Amino acid sequence: MKYDDASWHSGGDFPADLPAEAGATHIGMYLAWLLLQGMANEELAEDAEEDLQALRERRTTPGRFLLEYSDGKFVDDLISDEANTFTAAYYDLEDGQYLEDYEEQLGADVPDLYHVADTWENVDRLAPVIARRFAAWQATRT
């Protein structure tokens, strides 16, 4: 299943002053959070150890990781079963809360959400919110 794709965002009303890569930022930040929590699927963990290490060491940004490793596509086979179940509930582009949380944490000082910078500072602002959502989701499963 494909949850999101950077190419879905770079057409239509996409800001003309931004490169198409800006469509990967919101996706990359979420995926990076999952991967940094150890929720990569086994194949990704084995095949992309160097890429994951670059992510852990912050030598690459989340958006860049997404673009380079999976061509901007966030698909279910990148993450563990638990991460997929959480993602189906939280990340859903129509009914989930991820984009609302993203906007609340990072959208105040930018013209629109595509202008959020693909930086670790922004990841650090967003990560505690995702962590709280994940903990609350886990609590409903026990």
Foldseek 3Di string as FASTA:
>chain_A
DWQDFLVVAQDDPHDPVDDSLLSLQLVLLVVLLQVVVVFFPPVCCVPVVVLNVCSVVVVDFSSVSCCVVPVRIDDDNGGHPLVVVLCVAAVRPPHHCSVVLLCVQFVPPDPGSSPRDRHVVSSVSRNVVVVVSSVVVVVVVD
